[in-house]
Amino acid sequence: MPSRLDDELSRLVSAGVLRQYQADALRDAADAEIDAALADPGRGRPEAPPKPKAPPAVSHAGALIEVLGYIGGALLLGAVALLTIANWGEMGHAARVTTGTSAAIVLLGAAAILALLRRQDQLSSALAGLGCCAAGFATYVAIEGETGRVIGVAVALALVAIGVWWLAGSSLLVATFGILAVGVLVLTADVLTPDDGTATNTAGIAGTGFILVAFVMALLGLVRDQVTAWSLAGAAMFSSSICWLVQERGEIMALAVGTAGPAALLVAYGRRHASAYAVVGCAILLVIWPTALYQLTDNVAGVAIGLVVASAALLFAVLLLSLRRSNANQ
């Protein structure tokens, strides 16, 4: 596959003209055409794909509408937050439910109208993500207690699942990650942790939950914005590692999770060249490895030795991959 096509597709994905899955589809189609031509020389050599046009310039009017939409959504949520914080104790149950429900209806309604009009896709996704969170809050306020928290998370998750299926904006993936993370904490605290004071590995349960969140985000990356989804999957692995560090004698599991997540992200970076993968992966390594090694050894020298071993392994992997790539190009 021509490297020029790779460069152009990467530039278009970075500019927001194409989604990652769309670029992958174009790349696969070009590969299939070349393979078919090589298998059947009678077809002639395939023509080089035309150079994609430069991304269209965003009109000032469209940019202004999008900015005003973001400001409007932020002001609405700010007003709701100020109203509830200042008057929460004085507000009756009906007033609390009405406040949360009104915010959710306005945000979700505006997102739906923009989506139906096929205008401002990014703004529609952002408003929908905020609306899903507001709807979950309104549900929690209406039902209250542990049951309200669980059902509130379920409602928000159901709405955001519809949004991810309908829309393609990365804002909904961020909202999905946030709702799943809250769901893990709610289930850990309200459902899976006993109330009788008996010992339980609460942090370990939460760590396992965040691994499941990483799995869900990785699957979403196959059908939606891959860079955002897989970066959030890495963030979920980071959260899992933190939970295992809190858990008694959970340092080994923290190291395992804190190594598997960055390894997957660095492999993805090697294949897709998206800098977010490298940034998130290296950030997890730099936080989890020193902390876990210190808890294991209780010695700074042990941390240094562990980091030297890890860096040697990474450098060896870099050299090995570089040699394989140079041999493949020859």
Protein backbone atom coordinates (compact mmCIF):
# COMPACT_ATOMS: atom_id res chain seq x y z
CA MET A 1 0.00 0.00 0.00
CA PRO A 2 1.46 3.38 -0.96
CA SER A 3 2.80 5.34 1.99
CA ARG A 4 1.41 8.48 0.40
CA LEU A 5 -2.12 7.16 0.87
CA ASP A 6 -1.33 6.42 4.55
CA ASP A 7 -0.07 9.96 5.06
CA GLU A 8 -3.10 11.53 3.43
CA LEU A 9 -5.57 9.38 5.37
CA SER A 10 -3.81 10.13 8.66
CA ARG A 11 -3.93 13.86 7.87
CA LEU A 12 -7.65 13.71 7.06
CA VAL A 13 -8.37 11.78 10.29
CA SER A 14 -6.39 14.32 12.32
CA ALA A 15 -8.27 17.17 10.62
CA GLY A 16 -11.61 15.57 11.48
CA VAL A 17 -12.64 15.11 7.85
CA LEU A 18 -12.68 11.32 8.18
CA ARG A 19 -13.31 9.00 11.09
CA GLN A 20 -10.67 6.36 11.81
CA TYR A 21 -12.94 3.52 10.74
CA GLN A 22 -13.64 5.31 7.44
CA ALA A 23 -9.91 5.71 6.78
CA ASP A 24 -9.41 2.03 7.59
CA ALA A 25 -12.13 1.10 5.10
CA LEU A 26 -10.47 3.17 2.35
CA ARG A 27 -7.10 1.65 3.16
CA ASP A 28 -8.52 -1.90 3.03
CA ALA A 29 -10.23 -1.17 -0.29
CA ALA A 30 -6.95 0.08 -1.79
CA ASP A 31 -5.14 -3.03 -0.55
CA ALA A 32 -7.81 -5.30 -2.01
CA GLU A 33 -7.58 -3.56 -5.40
CA ILE A 34 -3.79 -3.93 -5.49
CA ASP A 35 -3.95 -7.59 -4.44
CA ALA A 36 -6.53 -8.31 -7.15
CA ALA A 37 -4.36 -6.62 -9.79
CA LEU A 38 -1.30 -8.60 -8.74
CA ALA A 39 -3.27 -11.85 -8.83
CA ASP A 40 -4.59 -11.06 -12.35
CA PRO A 41 -1.89 -9.29 -14.40
CA GLY A 42 -4.31 -8.97 -17.31
CA ARG A 43 -6.18 -6.30 -15.46
CA GLY A 44 -3.25 -3.95 -15.74
CA ARG A 45 -1.57 -2.02 -13.01
CA PRO A 46 -4.02 -0.23 -10.73
CA GLU A 47 -4.02 3.48 -10.96
CA ALA A 48 -2.70 5.41 -8.02
CA PRO A 49 -5.53 6.68 -5.85
CA PRO A 50 -6.24 10.36 -6.39
CA LYS A 51 -4.87 12.74 -3.84
CA PRO A 52 -7.62 13.68 -1.40
CA LYS A 53 -8.66 17.27 -1.52
CA ALA A 54 -7.78 19.60 1.28
CA PRO A 55 -10.34 19.65 4.09
CA PRO A 56 -13.06 22.17 3.40
CA ALA A 57 -12.80 25.39 5.32
CA VAL A 58 -15.36 25.76 8.06
CA SER A 59 -17.58 28.74 7.50
CA HIS A 60 -17.58 31.46 10.10
CA ALA A 61 -21.33 31.10 10.53
CA GLY A 62 -21.06 27.35 11.21
CA ALA A 63 -18.24 27.86 13.69
CA LEU A 64 -20.20 30.61 15.46
CA ILE A 65 -23.26 28.37 15.77
CA GLU A 66 -21.16 25.56 17.25
CA VAL A 67 -19.46 27.86 19.76
CA LEU A 68 -22.80 29.36 20.81
CA GLY A 69 -24.19 25.86 21.25
CA TYR A 70 -21.36 24.84 23.55
CA ILE A 71 -21.74 28.02 25.57
CA GLY A 72 -25.49 27.52 25.81
CA GLY A 73 -25.13 23.98 27.09
CA ALA A 74 -22.48 25.02 29.61
CA LEU A 75 -24.59 27.93 30.87
CA LEU A 76 -27.59 25.64 31.30
CA LEU A 77 -25.65 23.14 33.35
CA GLY A 78 -24.03 25.94 35.33
CA ALA A 79 -27.43 27.41 36.16
CA VAL A 80 -28.74 24.01 37.27
CA ALA A 81 -25.64 23.41 39.41
CA LEU A 82 -25.90 26.82 41.10
CA LEU A 83 -29.62 26.40 41.68
CA THR A 84 -29.26 22.98 43.26
CA ILE A 85 -26.20 23.82 45.36
CA ALA A 86 -27.66 27.05 46.73
CA ASN A 87 -31.19 25.79 47.37
CA TRP A 88 -30.90 21.99 47.64
CA GLY A 89 -31.89 21.87 51.29
CA GLU A 90 -34.90 24.14 50.72
CA MET A 91 -36.07 22.52 47.48
CA GLY A 92 -38.83 19.96 47.74
CA HIS A 93 -38.69 16.59 46.03
CA ALA A 94 -40.82 17.78 43.09
CA ALA A 95 -38.63 20.85 42.54
CA ARG A 96 -35.48 18.74 42.51
CA VAL A 97 -36.91 16.29 40.00
CA THR A 98 -38.22 19.12 37.82
CA THR A 99 -34.84 20.86 37.76
CA GLY A 100 -32.92 17.76 36.68
CA THR A 101 -35.57 16.61 34.23
CA SER A 102 -35.83 20.02 32.57
CA ALA A 103 -32.09 20.17 31.97
CA ALA A 104 -32.08 16.66 30.52
CA ILE A 105 -35.03 17.37 28.21
CA VAL A 106 -33.52 20.61 26.90
CA LEU A 107 -30.10 19.06 26.22
CA LEU A 108 -31.38 15.82 24.70
CA GLY A 109 -34.05 17.67 22.70
CA ALA A 110 -31.52 20.08 21.21
CA ALA A 111 -29.20 17.18 20.36
CA ALA A 112 -32.01 15.22 18.68
CA ILE A 113 -33.15 18.21 16.61
CA LEU A 114 -29.61 18.91 15.40
CA ALA A 115 -29.15 15.23 14.54
CA LEU A 116 -32.43 15.09 12.60
CA LEU A 117 -31.48 18.24 10.69
CA ARG A 118 -28.03 16.70 10.04
CA ARG A 119 -26.33 19.87 11.29
CA GLN A 120 -23.46 20.35 13.74
CA ASP A 121 -22.69 16.67 14.40
CA GLN A 122 -20.01 17.38 17.01
CA LEU A 123 -22.26 19.80 18.88
CA SER A 124 -25.14 17.32 18.76
CA SER A 125 -22.95 14.60 20.27
CA ALA A 126 -21.65 16.92 23.00
CA LEU A 127 -25.16 18.02 24.00
CA ALA A 128 -26.38 14.42 23.92
CA GLY A 129 -23.55 13.33 26.22
CA LEU A 130 -24.38 16.07 28.73
CA GLY A 131 -28.09 15.25 28.45
CA CYS A 132 -27.50 11.57 29.23
CA CYS A 133 -25.65 12.50 32.42
CA ALA A 134 -28.39 14.97 33.39
CA ALA A 135 -31.05 12.30 32.81
CA GLY A 136 -29.18 9.89 35.09
CA PHE A 137 -29.00 12.57 37.78
CA ALA A 138 -32.72 13.32 37.43
CA THR A 139 -33.52 9.61 37.82
CA TYR A 140 -31.40 9.37 40.94
CA VAL A 141 -33.13 12.42 42.44
CA ALA A 142 -36.57 11.01 41.63
CA ILE A 143 -35.95 7.60 43.24
CA GLU A 144 -33.27 8.47 45.83
CA GLY A 145 -31.12 6.10 47.86
CA GLU A 146 -29.06 3.17 46.65
CA THR A 147 -31.80 2.06 44.28
CA GLY A 148 -31.89 5.52 42.73
CA ARG A 149 -28.14 5.48 42.10
CA VAL A 150 -28.26 2.09 40.40
CA ILE A 151 -31.31 2.92 38.26
CA GLY A 152 -29.90 6.38 37.46
CA VAL A 153 -26.74 4.82 36.07
CA ALA A 154 -28.81 2.31 34.10
CA VAL A 155 -30.96 5.06 32.54
CA ALA A 156 -27.93 7.18 31.63
CA LEU A 157 -26.17 4.14 30.16
CA ALA A 158 -29.21 3.17 28.07
CA LEU A 159 -29.51 6.71 26.68
CA VAL A 160 -25.82 7.01 25.87
CA ALA A 161 -25.92 3.60 24.14
CA ILE A 162 -28.66 4.93 21.87
CA GLY A 163 -26.61 8.06 21.26
CA VAL A 164 -23.47 6.10 20.33
CA TRP A 165 -25.53 3.96 17.94
CA TRP A 166 -27.23 6.99 16.35
CA LEU A 167 -24.46 9.59 16.37
CA ALA A 168 -20.74 9.30 15.75
CA GLY A 169 -19.24 12.08 17.87
CA SER A 170 -16.39 11.34 20.25
CA SER A 171 -18.14 13.30 23.03
CA LEU A 172 -20.55 10.41 23.50
CA LEU A 173 -17.64 8.02 23.96
CA VAL A 174 -16.31 10.26 26.73
CA ALA A 175 -19.79 10.29 28.32
CA THR A 176 -19.95 6.50 28.00
CA PHE A 177 -16.65 6.12 29.83
CA GLY A 178 -17.77 8.50 32.59
CA ILE A 179 -21.11 6.74 33.10
CA LEU A 180 -19.49 3.29 33.11
CA ALA A 181 -16.92 4.49 35.65
CA VAL A 182 -19.66 5.84 37.92
CA GLY A 183 -21.54 2.57 37.42
CA VAL A 184 -18.53 0.57 38.59
CA LEU A 185 -18.25 2.67 41.76
CA VAL A 186 -22.00 2.50 42.43
CA LEU A 187 -22.18 -1.27 41.99
CA THR A 188 -19.07 -1.75 44.11
CA ALA A 189 -20.29 0.43 46.96
CA ASP A 190 -24.05 -0.23 46.92
CA VAL A 191 -24.47 -3.76 45.57
CA LEU A 192 -21.32 -5.87 45.93
CA THR A 193 -19.99 -4.53 49.23
CA PRO A 194 -21.75 -5.96 52.32
CA ASP A 195 -23.20 -3.60 54.91
CA ASP A 196 -22.38 -5.76 57.94
CA GLY A 197 -18.79 -4.59 58.16
CA THR A 198 -17.23 -7.92 57.12
CA ALA A 199 -13.94 -7.81 55.27
CA THR A 200 -14.21 -7.57 51.52
CA ASN A 201 -11.87 -6.77 48.65
CA THR A 202 -13.83 -3.70 47.56
CA ALA A 203 -10.91 -2.17 45.69
CA GLY A 204 -10.30 -5.46 43.88
CA ILE A 205 -13.94 -5.58 42.80
CA ALA A 206 -13.67 -2.05 41.44
CA GLY A 207 -10.42 -2.95 39.68
CA THR A 208 -12.13 -5.86 37.94
CA GLY A 209 -15.00 -3.58 36.97
CA PHE A 210 -12.65 -1.11 35.31
CA ILE A 211 -11.09 -3.94 33.31
CA LEU A 212 -14.58 -4.67 31.97
CA VAL A 213 -14.97 -0.97 31.16
CA ALA A 214 -11.71 -1.12 29.18
CA PHE A 215 -13.06 -4.13 27.26
CA VAL A 216 -16.28 -2.27 26.39
CA MET A 217 -14.39 0.83 25.21
CA ALA A 218 -12.07 -1.33 23.11
CA LEU A 219 -15.09 -2.88 21.38
CA LEU A 220 -16.61 0.56 20.76
CA GLY A 221 -13.37 1.55 19.08
CA LEU A 222 -14.09 -1.00 16.36
CA VAL A 223 -17.22 0.86 15.26
CA ARG A 224 -16.68 4.46 16.37
CA ASP A 225 -13.82 6.94 16.85
CA GLN A 226 -11.01 4.46 17.42
CA VAL A 227 -8.43 6.87 18.83
CA THR A 228 -10.80 8.26 21.45
CA ALA A 229 -12.31 4.88 22.39
CA TRP A 230 -8.99 3.07 22.73
CA SER A 231 -7.42 5.95 24.65
CA LEU A 232 -10.34 5.79 27.08
CA ALA A 233 -9.84 2.03 27.31
CA GLY A 234 -6.30 2.82 28.43
CA ALA A 235 -7.68 5.27 30.99
CA ALA A 236 -9.92 2.47 32.31
CA MET A 237 -6.88 0.20 32.67
CA PHE A 238 -5.14 3.01 34.55
CA SER A 239 -8.14 3.30 36.89
CA SER A 240 -8.06 -0.45 37.42
CA SER A 241 -4.37 -0.32 38.32
CA ILE A 242 -5.02 2.43 40.87
CA CYS A 243 -7.76 0.30 42.47
CA TRP A 244 -5.41 -2.67 42.71
CA LEU A 245 -2.73 -0.50 44.32
CA VAL A 246 -5.23 0.44 47.04
CA GLN A 247 -6.19 -3.21 47.52
CA GLU A 248 -4.09 -5.04 50.11
CA ARG A 249 -1.41 -7.14 48.38
CA GLY A 250 -2.68 -6.01 45.00
CA GLU A 251 0.63 -4.72 43.67
CA ILE A 252 1.22 -7.72 41.38
CA MET A 253 -2.20 -7.30 39.79
CA ALA A 254 -1.57 -3.56 39.45
CA LEU A 255 1.68 -4.29 37.62
CA ALA A 256 -0.04 -6.81 35.36
CA VAL A 257 -2.87 -4.45 34.42
CA GLY A 258 -0.53 -1.45 34.26
CA THR A 259 1.63 -3.35 31.79
CA ALA A 260 -1.04 -4.97 29.62
CA GLY A 261 -2.85 -1.68 28.97
CA PRO A 262 0.21 0.30 27.85
CA ALA A 263 1.46 -2.66 25.82
CA ALA A 264 -1.80 -2.77 23.87
CA LEU A 265 -1.73 1.00 23.35
CA LEU A 266 1.87 0.98 22.15
CA VAL A 267 1.08 -1.81 19.69
CA ALA A 268 -1.87 0.25 18.46
CA TYR A 269 0.45 3.25 18.11
CA GLY A 270 2.83 1.18 16.02
CA ARG A 271 -0.01 0.25 13.67
CA ARG A 272 -2.02 3.47 13.56
CA HIS A 273 0.56 6.16 14.44
CA ALA A 274 -1.92 8.04 16.64
CA SER A 275 0.10 9.95 19.23
CA ALA A 276 -2.66 9.66 21.84
CA TYR A 277 -1.91 5.95 22.20
CA ALA A 278 1.75 6.59 23.01
CA VAL A 279 0.96 9.44 25.40
CA VAL A 280 -1.63 7.49 27.40
CA GLY A 281 0.42 4.30 27.41
CA CYS A 282 3.61 5.96 28.61
CA ALA A 283 1.69 7.96 31.23
CA ILE A 284 0.29 4.74 32.72
CA LEU A 285 3.74 3.14 32.82
CA LEU A 286 5.33 6.17 34.47
CA VAL A 287 2.70 6.25 37.24
CA ILE A 288 1.93 2.60 37.92
CA TRP A 289 5.36 0.96 37.69
CA PRO A 290 7.22 3.18 40.20
CA THR A 291 4.31 3.13 42.65
CA ALA A 292 3.74 -0.62 42.49
CA LEU A 293 7.44 -1.43 42.69
CA TYR A 294 7.86 0.80 45.71
CA GLN A 295 4.94 -0.89 47.48
CA LEU A 296 6.44 -4.30 46.65
CA THR A 297 10.04 -3.58 47.66
CA ASP A 298 9.63 -0.66 50.08
CA ASN A 299 12.97 0.46 48.69
CA VAL A 300 13.90 3.16 46.20
CA ALA A 301 16.71 0.96 44.85
CA GLY A 302 14.16 -1.74 44.02
CA VAL A 303 12.13 0.81 42.11
CA ALA A 304 15.19 1.89 40.14
CA ILE A 305 16.13 -1.71 39.27
CA GLY A 306 12.59 -2.46 38.16
CA LEU A 307 12.48 0.62 35.97
CA VAL A 308 15.83 -0.29 34.40
CA VAL A 309 14.49 -3.75 33.55
CA ALA A 310 11.32 -2.25 32.10
CA SER A 311 13.24 0.29 30.01
CA ALA A 312 15.59 -2.43 28.73
CA ALA A 313 12.59 -4.51 27.66
CA LEU A 314 11.03 -1.53 25.87
CA LEU A 315 14.26 -0.61 24.09
CA PHE A 316 14.75 -4.24 23.01
CA ALA A 317 11.20 -4.26 21.62
CA VAL A 318 11.93 -1.04 19.72
CA LEU A 319 15.10 -2.47 18.20
CA LEU A 320 13.38 -5.74 17.28
CA LEU A 321 10.46 -3.97 15.61
CA SER A 322 12.83 -1.62 13.79
CA LEU A 323 14.84 -4.55 12.41
CA ARG A 324 11.70 -6.34 11.28
CA ARG A 325 10.45 -3.20 9.58
CA SER A 326 13.75 -2.60 7.77
CA ASN A 327 13.83 -6.23 6.60
CA ALA A 328 10.28 -5.96 5.33
CA ASN A 329 11.15 -2.81 3.32
CA GLN A 330 14.14 -4.45 1.64
